[in-house]
C-alpha atoms as a PDB file:
ATOM      1  CA  MET A   1     154.941 110.285  74.586  1.00  0.00           C
ATOM      2  CA  ARG A   2     154.681 109.317  78.261  1.00  0.00           C
ATOM      3  CA  LEU A   3     152.481 112.342  78.917  1.00  0.00           C
ATOM      4  CA  VAL A   4     150.266 111.409  75.938  1.00  0.00           C
ATOM      5  CA  LEU A   5     149.880 107.795  77.206  1.00  0.00           C
ATOM      6  CA  ALA A   6     149.188 108.957  80.757  1.00  0.00           C
ATOM      7  CA  THR A   7     146.488 111.262  79.494  1.00  0.00           C
ATOM      8  CA  ILE A   8     144.884 108.559  77.339  1.00  0.00           C
ATOM      9  CA  PHE A   9     145.015 106.216  80.338  1.00  0.00           C
ATOM     10  CA  ALA A  10     143.412 108.803  82.642  1.00  0.00           C
ATOM     11  CA  LEU A  11     140.647 109.500  80.116  1.00  0.00           C
ATOM     12  CA  ALA A  12     140.033 105.807  79.706  1.00  0.00           C
ATOM     13  CA  LEU A  13     139.820 105.430  83.532  1.00  0.00           C
ATOM     14  CA  VAL A  14     137.325 108.284  83.706  1.00  0.00           C
ATOM     15  CA  GLY A  15     135.307 106.634  80.983  1.00  0.00           C
ATOM     16  CA  CYS A  16     135.260 103.349  82.857  1.00  0.00           C
ATOM     17  CA  THR A  17     133.984 105.091  86.013  1.00  0.00           C
ATOM     18  CA  SER A  18     131.274 107.140  84.373  1.00  0.00           C
ATOM     19  CA  GLY A  19     127.569 106.406  84.288  1.00  0.00           C
ATOM     20  CA  LEU A  20     126.664 102.891  85.526  1.00  0.00           C
ATOM     21  CA  ASP A  21     130.317 102.205  86.251  1.00  0.00           C
ATOM     22  CA  ARG A  22     130.334 104.586  89.173  1.00  0.00           C
ATOM     23  CA  LYS A  23     129.825 103.286  92.646  1.00  0.00           C
ATOM     24  CA  ILE A  24     127.283 104.156  95.349  1.00  0.00           C
ATOM     25  CA  ASP A  25     128.635 105.514  98.562  1.00  0.00           C
ATOM     26  CA  GLY A  26     126.388 104.373 101.420  1.00  0.00           C
ATOM     27  CA  ALA A  27     128.386 105.833 104.230  1.00  0.00           C
ATOM     28  CA  SER A  28     125.607 108.464 104.872  1.00  0.00           C
ATOM     29  CA  GLU A  29     122.415 109.683 103.402  1.00  0.00           C
ATOM     30  CA  LYS A  30     124.168 112.688 101.862  1.00  0.00           C
ATOM     31  CA  SER A  31     126.880 110.551 100.259  1.00  0.00           C
ATOM     32  CA  PHE A  32     124.229 108.105  98.964  1.00  0.00           C
ATOM     33  CA  LYS A  33     122.267 110.827  97.236  1.00  0.00           C
ATOM     34  CA  THR A  34     125.407 112.541  95.927  1.00  0.00           C
ATOM     35  CA  SER A  35     126.842 109.333  94.412  1.00  0.00           C
ATOM     36  CA  LEU A  36     123.506 108.320  93.002  1.00  0.00           C
ATOM     37  CA  ALA A  37     123.130 111.754  91.402  1.00  0.00           C
ATOM     38  CA  ALA A  38     126.647 111.367  89.890  1.00  0.00           C
ATOM     39  CA  ILE A  39     125.708 108.054  88.287  1.00  0.00           C
ATOM     40  CA  LYS A  40     122.542 109.519  86.795  1.00  0.00           C
ATOM     41  CA  LYS A  41     124.263 112.663  85.576  1.00  0.00           C
ATOM     42  CA  SER A  42     126.466 110.704  83.131  1.00  0.00           C
ATOM     43  CA  ALA A  43     124.098 107.807  82.360  1.00  0.00           C
ATOM     44  CA  LYS A  44     121.629 107.406  79.470  1.00  0.00           C
ATOM     45  CA  ALA A  45     117.982 107.939  80.127  1.00  0.00           C
ATOM     46  CA  GLU A  46     117.088 104.222  79.601  1.00  0.00           C
ATOM     47  CA  ASP A  47     119.942 103.219  81.996  1.00  0.00           C
ATOM     48  CA  ILE A  48     118.556 105.612  84.661  1.00  0.00           C
ATOM     49  CA  ALA A  49     115.103 104.084  84.312  1.00  0.00           C
ATOM     50  CA  ARG A  50     116.617 100.633  84.722  1.00  0.00           C
ATOM     51  CA  LEU A  51     118.672 101.743  87.754  1.00  0.00           C
ATOM     52  CA  ASP A  52     115.671 103.363  89.448  1.00  0.00           C
ATOM     53  CA  ASN A  53     113.596 100.242  88.888  1.00  0.00           C
ATOM     54  CA  ALA A  54     116.356  98.066  90.366  1.00  0.00           C
ATOM     55  CA  LEU A  55     116.715 100.319  93.376  1.00  0.00           C
ATOM     56  CA  LEU A  56     113.023 100.184  94.106  1.00  0.00           C
ATOM     57  CA  VAL A  57     113.021  96.378  93.916  1.00  0.00           C
ATOM     58  CA  LEU A  58     116.007  96.240  96.367  1.00  0.00           C
ATOM     59  CA  ALA A  59     114.324  98.663  98.755  1.00  0.00           C
ATOM     60  CA  ILE A  60     111.373  96.345  99.273  1.00  0.00           C
ATOM     61  CA  SER A  61     111.806  94.660 102.601  1.00  0.00           C
ATOM     62  CA  ASN A  62     109.088  92.050 102.399  1.00  0.00           C
ATOM     63  CA  VAL A  63     107.128  90.505  99.522  1.00  0.00           C
ATOM     64  CA  SER A  64     103.752  88.934 100.504  1.00  0.00           C
ATOM     65  CA  ILE A  65     102.232  86.614  97.992  1.00  0.00           C
ATOM     66  CA  GLY A  66      98.435  86.154  97.691  1.00  0.00           C
ATOM     67  CA  PHE A  67      95.997  88.879  97.953  1.00  0.00           C
ATOM     68  CA  GLU A  68      98.820  91.330  98.778  1.00  0.00           C
ATOM     69  CA  GLY A  69      99.988  90.988  95.168  1.00  0.00           C
ATOM     70  CA  GLY A  70     103.471  89.586  95.582  1.00  0.00           C
ATOM     71  CA  ILE A  71     106.354  91.383  93.740  1.00  0.00           C
ATOM     72  CA  LEU A  72     103.840  92.971  91.334  1.00  0.00           C
ATOM     73  CA  GLY A  73     101.831  94.525  94.131  1.00  0.00           C
ATOM     74  CA  ALA A  74     104.925  95.530  96.041  1.00  0.00           C
ATOM     75  CA  MET A  75     106.459  97.176  93.023  1.00  0.00           C
ATOM     76  CA  LYS A  76     103.282  99.082  92.213  1.00  0.00           C
ATOM     77  CA  LYS A  77     102.898 100.261  95.777  1.00  0.00           C
ATOM     78  CA  ILE A  78     106.420 101.506  96.150  1.00  0.00           C
ATOM     79  CA  SER A  79     106.701 103.050  92.692  1.00  0.00           C
ATOM     80  CA  ASP A  80     103.468 104.947  93.145  1.00  0.00           C
ATOM     81  CA  THR A  81     104.606 106.638  96.309  1.00  0.00           C
ATOM     82  CA  GLN A  82     108.430 106.653  96.457  1.00  0.00           C
ATOM     83  CA  LYS A  83     111.599 107.535  94.561  1.00  0.00           C
ATOM     84  CA  PRO A  84     114.937 105.838  95.169  1.00  0.00           C
ATOM     85  CA  GLU A  85     116.364 109.076  96.632  1.00  0.00           C
ATOM     86  CA  GLN A  86     113.677 108.875  99.322  1.00  0.00           C
ATOM     87  CA  LEU A  87     114.657 105.381 100.315  1.00  0.00           C
ATOM     88  CA  ALA A  88     118.222 105.997 101.498  1.00  0.00           C
ATOM     89  CA  ASP A  89     117.742 104.221 104.820  1.00  0.00           C
ATOM     90  CA  GLN A  90     116.619 100.995 103.217  1.00  0.00           C
ATOM     91  CA  LEU A  91     119.080 101.102 100.315  1.00  0.00           C
ATOM     92  CA  MET A  92     122.395 102.296 101.898  1.00  0.00           C
ATOM     93  CA  PRO A  93     123.226  98.916 103.608  1.00  0.00           C
ATOM     94  CA  VAL A  94     122.161  96.978 100.497  1.00  0.00           C
ATOM     95  CA  VAL A  95     123.902  98.903  97.692  1.00  0.00           C
ATOM     96  CA  ASP A  96     126.999 100.472  99.373  1.00  0.00           C
ATOM     97  CA  GLY A  97     130.013  99.945  97.174  1.00  0.00           C
ATOM     98  CA  MET A  98     128.016  98.602  94.234  1.00  0.00           C
ATOM     99  CA  THR A  99     128.180 100.069  90.755  1.00  0.00           C
ATOM    100  CA  GLY A 100     125.096 101.038  88.821  1.00  0.00           C
ATOM    101  CA  ARG A 101     125.525  97.907  86.774  1.00  0.00           C
ATOM    102  CA  ASP A 102     125.818  95.790  89.931  1.00  0.00           C
ATOM    103  CA  ILE A 103     122.587  97.273  91.185  1.00  0.00           C
ATOM    104  CA  ILE A 104     120.706  96.607  88.029  1.00  0.00           C
ATOM    105  CA  LYS A 105     121.954  93.032  87.994  1.00  0.00           C
ATOM    106  CA  ALA A 106     120.932  92.579  91.623  1.00  0.00           C
ATOM    107  CA  GLY A 107     117.535  94.017  91.066  1.00  0.00           C
ATOM    108  CA  GLN A 108     116.862  91.816  88.031  1.00  0.00           C
ATOM    109  CA  LYS A 109     117.880  88.795  90.081  1.00  0.00           C
ATOM    110  CA  ARG A 110     115.545  89.634  92.856  1.00  0.00           C
ATOM    111  CA  LYS A 111     112.711  90.344  90.477  1.00  0.00           C
ATOM    112  CA  LYS A 112     113.201  86.994  88.837  1.00  0.00           C
ATOM    113  CA  ASP A 113     113.506  85.091  92.110  1.00  0.00           C
ATOM    114  CA  GLU A 114     110.306  86.689  93.452  1.00  0.00           C
ATOM    115  CA  ALA A 115     108.474  86.291  90.115  1.00  0.00           C
ATOM    116  CA  THR A 116     109.364  82.608  90.017  1.00  0.00           C
ATOM    117  CA  ARG A 117     108.077  82.180  93.562  1.00  0.00           C
ATOM    118  CA  GLN A 118     104.894  84.182  92.920  1.00  0.00           C
ATOM    119  CA  LEU A 119     104.238  82.452  89.580  1.00  0.00           C
ATOM    120  CA  GLY A 120     104.173  79.080  91.344  1.00  0.00           C
ATOM    121  CA  SER A 121     101.636  80.470  93.826  1.00  0.00           C
ATOM    122  CA  VAL A 122      99.513  82.025  90.978  1.00  0.00           C
ATOM    123  CA  GLU A 123      99.493  78.874  88.977  1.00  0.00           C
ATOM    124  CA  ALA A 124      98.386  76.804  91.994  1.00  0.00           C
ATOM    125  CA  GLU A 125      95.521  79.228  92.782  1.00  0.00           C
ATOM    126  CA  ILE A 126      94.478  79.395  89.143  1.00  0.00           C
ATOM    127  CA  ALA A 127      94.284  75.597  89.036  1.00  0.00           C
ATOM    128  CA  LYS A 128      92.210  75.537  92.235  1.00  0.00           C
ATOM    129  CA  LEU A 129      89.724  78.181  91.006  1.00  0.00           C
ATOM    130  CA  ALA A 130      89.567  76.702  87.510  1.00  0.00           C
ATOM    131  CA  LYS A 131      88.521  73.389  89.188  1.00  0.00           C
ATOM    132  CA  LEU A 132      85.839  75.190  91.205  1.00  0.00           C
ATOM    133  CA  ARG A 133      84.615  76.885  88.052  1.00  0.00           C
ATOM    134  CA  GLU A 134      84.213  73.541  86.293  1.00  0.00           C
ATOM    135  CA  GLU A 135      82.384  72.056  89.303  1.00  0.00           C
ATOM    136  CA  TYR A 136      80.042  75.035  89.434  1.00  0.00           C
ATOM    137  CA  ALA A 137      79.361  74.797  85.715  1.00  0.00           C
ATOM    138  CA  ALA A 138      78.428  71.140  86.221  1.00  0.00           C
ATOM    139  CA  THR A 139      76.126  71.788  89.185  1.00  0.00           C
ATOM    140  CA  LYS A 140      74.660  75.201  88.652  1.00  0.00           C
ATOM    141  CA  GLY A 141      71.750  73.839  86.668  1.00  0.00           C
ATOM    142  CA  ILE A 142      70.138  72.895  89.983  1.00  0.00           C
ATOM    143  CA  LEU A 143      69.648  76.659  90.613  1.00  0.00           C
ATOM    144  CA  ALA A 144      67.665  77.226  87.435  1.00  0.00           C
ATOM    145  CA  PRO A 145      64.200  76.696  89.097  1.00  0.00           C
ATOM    146  CA  ILE A 146      64.966  79.417  91.601  1.00  0.00           C
ATOM    147  CA  LYS A 147      63.865  82.606  90.000  1.00  0.00           C
ATOM    148  CA  ILE A 148      64.179  86.293  90.941  1.00  0.00           C
ATOM    149  CA  LEU A 149      61.104  88.287  89.797  1.00  0.00           C
ATOM    150  CA  GLU A 150      60.168  91.994  89.670  1.00  0.00           C
ATOM    151  CA  SER A 151      63.513  93.364  91.042  1.00  0.00           C
ATOM    152  CA  THR A 152      63.579  97.122  91.594  1.00  0.00           C
ATOM    153  CA  LEU A 153      65.987  99.505  93.297  1.00  0.00           C
ATOM    154  CA  ARG A 154      64.508 102.548  95.045  1.00  0.00           C
ATOM    155  CA  PHE A 155      66.266 105.478  96.570  1.00  0.00           C
ATOM    156  CA  ASN A 156      65.340 107.670  99.531  1.00  0.00           C
ATOM    157  CA  SER A 157      66.998 110.200 101.741  1.00  0.00           C
ATOM    158  CA  VAL A 158      66.556 110.311 105.505  1.00  0.00           C
ATOM    159  CA  GLY A 159      68.207 113.569 106.442  1.00  0.00           C
ATOM    160  CA  ALA A 160      71.824 113.387 105.352  1.00  0.00           C
ATOM    161  CA  GLN A 161      71.660 109.592 105.099  1.00  0.00           C
ATOM    162  CA  LYS A 162      71.139 108.136 101.634  1.00  0.00           C
ATOM    163  CA  MET A 163      68.955 105.002 101.755  1.00  0.00           C
ATOM    164  CA  SER A 164      68.361 102.447  99.129  1.00  0.00           C
ATOM    165  CA  ALA A 165      65.876  99.545  99.040  1.00  0.00           C
ATOM    166  CA  MET A 166      65.984  96.461  96.900  1.00  0.00           C
ATOM    167  CA  ASN A 167      62.500  94.953  96.241  1.00  0.00           C
ATOM    168  CA  PHE A 168      62.173  91.552  94.586  1.00  0.00           C
ATOM    169  CA  THR A 169      60.389  88.267  94.714  1.00  0.00           C
ATOM    170  CA  VAL A 170      61.997  84.884  94.992  1.00  0.00           C
ATOM    171  CA  SER A 171      60.169  81.968  93.407  1.00  0.00           C
ATOM    172  CA  ASN A 172      61.192  78.431  94.347  1.00  0.00           C
ATOM    173  CA  SER A 173      60.049  76.059  91.648  1.00  0.00           C
ATOM    174  CA  SER A 174      62.541  73.341  92.672  1.00  0.00           C
ATOM    175  CA  ASP A 175      61.808  70.348  94.859  1.00  0.00           C
ATOM    176  CA  ILE A 176      64.227  71.521  97.527  1.00  0.00           C
ATOM    177  CA  GLY A 177      63.582  73.690 100.565  1.00  0.00           C
ATOM    178  CA  LEU A 178      65.844  76.763 100.793  1.00  0.00           C
ATOM    179  CA  THR A 179      67.300  78.405 103.968  1.00  0.00           C
ATOM    180  CA  TYR A 180      69.848  80.879 102.545  1.00  0.00           C
ATOM    181  CA  LEU A 181      70.117  82.806  99.240  1.00  0.00           C
ATOM    182  CA  TYR A 182      73.417  83.860  97.635  1.00  0.00           C
ATOM    183  CA  LEU A 183      72.531  86.515  95.141  1.00  0.00           C
ATOM    184  CA  ARG A 184      74.402  89.150  92.980  1.00  0.00           C
ATOM    185  CA  GLY A 185      72.813  92.456  92.175  1.00  0.00           C
ATOM    186  CA  THR A 186      73.919  94.576  89.182  1.00  0.00           C
ATOM    187  CA  VAL A 187      73.092  98.088  88.033  1.00  0.00           C
ATOM    188  CA  THR A 188      73.684  98.965  84.422  1.00  0.00           C
ATOM    189  CA  GLU A 189      73.004 101.883  82.067  1.00  0.00           C
ATOM    190  CA  THR A 190      69.915 100.963  80.032  1.00  0.00           C
ATOM    191  CA  ALA A 191      71.317 102.477  76.808  1.00  0.00           C
ATOM    192  CA  SER A 192      74.901 101.202  76.836  1.00  0.00           C
ATOM    193  CA  GLY A 193      74.657  98.179  79.149  1.00  0.00           C
ATOM    194  CA  LYS A 194      77.656  99.536  81.067  1.00  0.00           C
ATOM    195  CA  VAL A 195      77.869  98.092  84.593  1.00  0.00           C
ATOM    196  CA  LEU A 196      77.826 100.876  87.137  1.00  0.00           C
ATOM    197  CA  PHE A 197      77.788  98.898  90.303  1.00  0.00           C
ATOM    198  CA  SER A 198      77.580  95.223  91.301  1.00  0.00           C
ATOM    199  CA  ASP A 199      77.675  93.510  94.679  1.00  0.00           C
ATOM    200  CA  ASP A 200      76.607  90.468  96.651  1.00  0.00           C
ATOM    201  CA  ILE A 201      73.106  90.312  98.217  1.00  0.00           C
ATOM    202  CA  ASN A 202      73.037  87.406 100.670  1.00  0.00           C
ATOM    203  CA  TYR A 203      69.845  86.732 102.626  1.00  0.00           C
ATOM    204  CA  LYS A 204      69.055  84.263 105.347  1.00  0.00           C
ATOM    205  CA  LEU A 205      65.472  82.966 105.350  1.00  0.00           C
ATOM    206  CA  SER A 206      65.484  83.024 109.133  1.00  0.00           C
ATOM    207  CA  ALA A 207      61.765  83.207 109.784  1.00  0.00           C
ATOM    208  CA  ALA A 208      60.904  80.147 107.693  1.00  0.00           C
ATOM    209  CA  PRO A 209      62.495  78.249 104.851  1.00  0.00           C
ATOM    210  CA  LEU A 210      61.294  78.808 101.258  1.00  0.00           C
ATOM    211  CA  LEU A 211      59.708  75.458 100.528  1.00  0.00           C
ATOM    212  CA  PRO A 212      59.180  73.948  97.035  1.00  0.00           C
ATOM    213  CA  GLY A 213      56.509  75.793  95.106  1.00  0.00           C
ATOM    214  CA  GLU A 214      56.603  78.818  97.346  1.00  0.00           C
ATOM    215  CA  SER A 215      57.370  82.460  96.554  1.00  0.00           C
ATOM    216  CA  LYS A 216      58.480  85.248  98.915  1.00  0.00           C
ATOM    217  CA  ALA A 217      58.551  88.989  98.447  1.00  0.00           C
ATOM    218  CA  LEU A 218      61.595  90.665  99.926  1.00  0.00           C
ATOM    219  CA  ARG A 219      62.475  94.268 100.705  1.00  0.00           C
ATOM    220  CA  LEU A 220      66.056  94.788 101.706  1.00  0.00           C
ATOM    221  CA  PRO A 221      67.001  98.317 102.875  1.00  0.00           C
ATOM    222  CA  ASN A 222      70.690  99.429 102.662  1.00  0.00           C
ATOM    223  CA  SER A 223      72.498 102.528 103.834  1.00  0.00           C
ATOM    224  CA  ALA A 224      76.126 101.415 103.726  1.00  0.00           C
ATOM    225  CA  PRO A 225      78.304 104.174 102.177  1.00  0.00           C
ATOM    226  CA  GLY A 226      79.366 103.522  98.656  1.00  0.00           C
ATOM    227  CA  LYS A 227      77.148 100.526  98.175  1.00  0.00           C
ATOM    228  CA  TRP A 228      73.625 100.700  96.660  1.00  0.00           C
ATOM    229  CA  ASN A 229      73.670 104.451  97.303  1.00  0.00           C
ATOM    230  CA  ALA A 230      76.925 104.996  95.375  1.00  0.00           C
ATOM    231  CA  ALA A 231      77.302 108.237  93.544  1.00  0.00           C
ATOM    232  CA  ASP A 232      77.440 106.476  90.072  1.00  0.00           C
ATOM    233  CA  ILE A 233      73.844 105.281  90.548  1.00  0.00           C
ATOM    234  CA  TRP A 234      72.178 107.449  93.214  1.00  0.00           C
ATOM    235  CA  GLY A 235      69.179 109.289  91.833  1.00  0.00           C
ATOM    236  CA  LYS A 236      70.014 108.540  88.166  1.00  0.00           C
ATOM    237  CA  GLU A 237      67.395 107.599  85.606  1.00  0.00           C
ATOM    238  CA  ASN A 238      67.544 105.086  82.769  1.00  0.00           C
ATOM    239  CA  LEU A 239      69.133 102.413  84.957  1.00  0.00           C
ATOM    240  CA  ALA A 240      68.514  98.657  84.881  1.00  0.00           C
ATOM    241  CA  PHE A 241      68.658  96.588  88.024  1.00  0.00           C
ATOM    242  CA  ALA A 242      68.945  92.786  87.947  1.00  0.00           C
ATOM    243  CA  ILE A 243      69.518  90.073  90.513  1.00  0.00           C
ATOM    244  CA  GLU A 244      71.168  86.734  89.719  1.00  0.00           C
ATOM    245  CA  VAL A 245      70.941  83.557  91.848  1.00  0.00           C
ATOM    246  CA  VAL A 246      74.542  82.532  92.579  1.00  0.00           C
ATOM    247  CA  ASN A 247      73.776  79.742  95.078  1.00  0.00           C
ATOM    248  CA  ALA A 248      71.401  78.649  97.805  1.00  0.00           C
ATOM    249  CA  ASP A 249      71.460  76.454 100.947  1.00  0.00           C
ATOM    250  CA  ASN A 250      69.125  73.476 101.381  1.00  0.00           C
ATOM    251  CA  LEU A 251      67.334  72.584 104.590  1.00  0.00           C
ATOM    252  CA  ALA A 252      70.497  70.969 105.919  1.00  0.00           C
ATOM    253  CA  GLY A 253      72.494  74.099 105.375  1.00  0.00           C
ATOM    254  CA  GLN A 254      74.447  72.671 102.388  1.00  0.00           C
ATOM    255  CA  LYS A 255      75.006  74.650  99.173  1.00  0.00           C
ATOM    256  CA  LEU A 256      73.039  73.361  96.131  1.00  0.00           C
ATOM    257  CA  ALA A 257      75.835  74.100  93.623  1.00  0.00           C
ATOM    258  CA  ALA A 258      79.574  74.032  94.000  1.00  0.00           C
ATOM    259  CA  SER A 259      80.952  77.316  95.443  1.00  0.00           C
ATOM    260  CA  PHE A 260      82.278  79.640  92.699  1.00  0.00           C
ATOM    261  CA  THR A 261      81.275  83.305  93.376  1.00  0.00           C
ATOM    262  CA  PRO A 262      81.507  86.461  91.254  1.00  0.00           C
ATOM    263  CA  LYS A 263      84.409  87.451  93.443  1.00  0.00           C
ATOM    264  CA  ASP A 264      86.141  84.169  92.424  1.00  0.00           C
ATOM    265  CA  VAL A 265      85.500  85.212  88.823  1.00  0.00           C
ATOM    266  CA  GLU A 266      87.176  88.547  89.459  1.00  0.00           C
ATOM    267  CA  ARG A 267      90.048  86.926  91.319  1.00  0.00           C
ATOM    268  CA  LEU A 268      90.617  84.440  88.436  1.00  0.00           C
ATOM    269  CA  ALA A 269      90.771  87.316  85.961  1.00  0.00           C
ATOM    270  CA  THR A 270      93.347  89.142  88.172  1.00  0.00           C
ATOM    271  CA  LEU A 271      95.419  86.024  88.523  1.00  0.00           C
ATOM    272  CA  ASP A 272      95.439  85.497  84.704  1.00  0.00           C
ATOM    273  CA  ALA A 273      96.636  89.025  84.232  1.00  0.00           C
ATOM    274  CA  ASN A 274      99.307  88.560  86.890  1.00  0.00           C
ATOM    275  CA  ARG A 275     100.505  85.350  85.279  1.00  0.00           C
ATOM    276  CA  GLN A 276     101.158  87.197  82.002  1.00  0.00           C
ATOM    277  CA  LEU A 277     103.033  90.060  83.779  1.00  0.00           C
ATOM    278  CA  LEU A 278     105.098  87.575  85.770  1.00  0.00           C
ATOM    279  CA  THR A 279     105.934  85.553  82.643  1.00  0.00           C
ATOM    280  CA  GLN A 280     107.062  88.790  80.955  1.00  0.00           C
ATOM    281  CA  MET A 281     109.151  89.667  83.975  1.00  0.00           C
ATOM    282  CA  LEU A 282     110.928  86.371  83.852  1.00  0.00           C
ATOM    283  CA  ALA A 283     111.647  86.839  80.153  1.00  0.00           C
ATOM    284  CA  GLU A 284     113.303  90.210  80.587  1.00  0.00           C
END
C-alpha cells in the first residue's frame, strides 16, 4: 500500500511539474534553452503560443510611445524578427526560476500596463487631431477660389535617371495674395480609381506672390527615387493625375486654413486602428 501511495504521489508530482508548471533555468544560455524546450515539449499548442508571446513581451527592453508605435510597434518589430530562443541574453535575468504560468502572467501584466499607458497617449493625440480636423473643415472654404488647372504628369529618362515633371496652372480667384502653396498630388488608375501614388507638392512662390485674379503656370521636375518616378506609375498608360489645394500662405506668411494635412488624415486612421487593438489587448 505504501508503495502504491508513493507511486501515486510521484506521478502527481510529475504532473504538477509538467508543461507550464515547469521552471525556467536562467543560469546559462544552454540551460535556458533546455528548460524552455522541456516546458514546450509537454505543453499544449495554445499554451506554447501564449508562452512565446509573453516571452517576447518581457524581452522588450524599451517601449517608445508616439510614432515608434508603443507596445504594438515593439511587439510587431520583435515578433517579425525574433523567437524567444534567440533572446536568451535579455530573458535569462528576467524569467530565471519562473514557471511557464508565471511568465504568461508577467507578460500579460506588462502588456496591459504598456497598453494602458499607450492608450492614454493615443486618446490624447486623437483628440488633438480631431480638433484640428474640425478647425480645418470650418476654414477650408477659403481655399475654394484657388484652383489647379490642366495638371499633367510627364515621364522622361536622362541616362539611368528617371525624371518626372508635373505641369499645372494655379488660378487665384480669391481676394488674397499667395506666397506658398501646399498641394497634394495623386495618381490613380483610370478604370478602377485605385490610388497608385500620392504625395505632397509644396511650392514657394519666391519670385513674386500670386496676387488676386492672377494665374501662374508651373513646371516642377522631380527625380527623387520612389517618388513621382515610382515603379507603380512609371511609363504606364491609363493613369489619372490630380492635384488638390491643401492650404496656402498669405502675404504675411500665415496659412489661410487651419493646418490639417493628408499625413494627419493617415495618422488619425492609424491611431484609430491602434486604439481598437489596445482596447482588445486590455480586454484579454
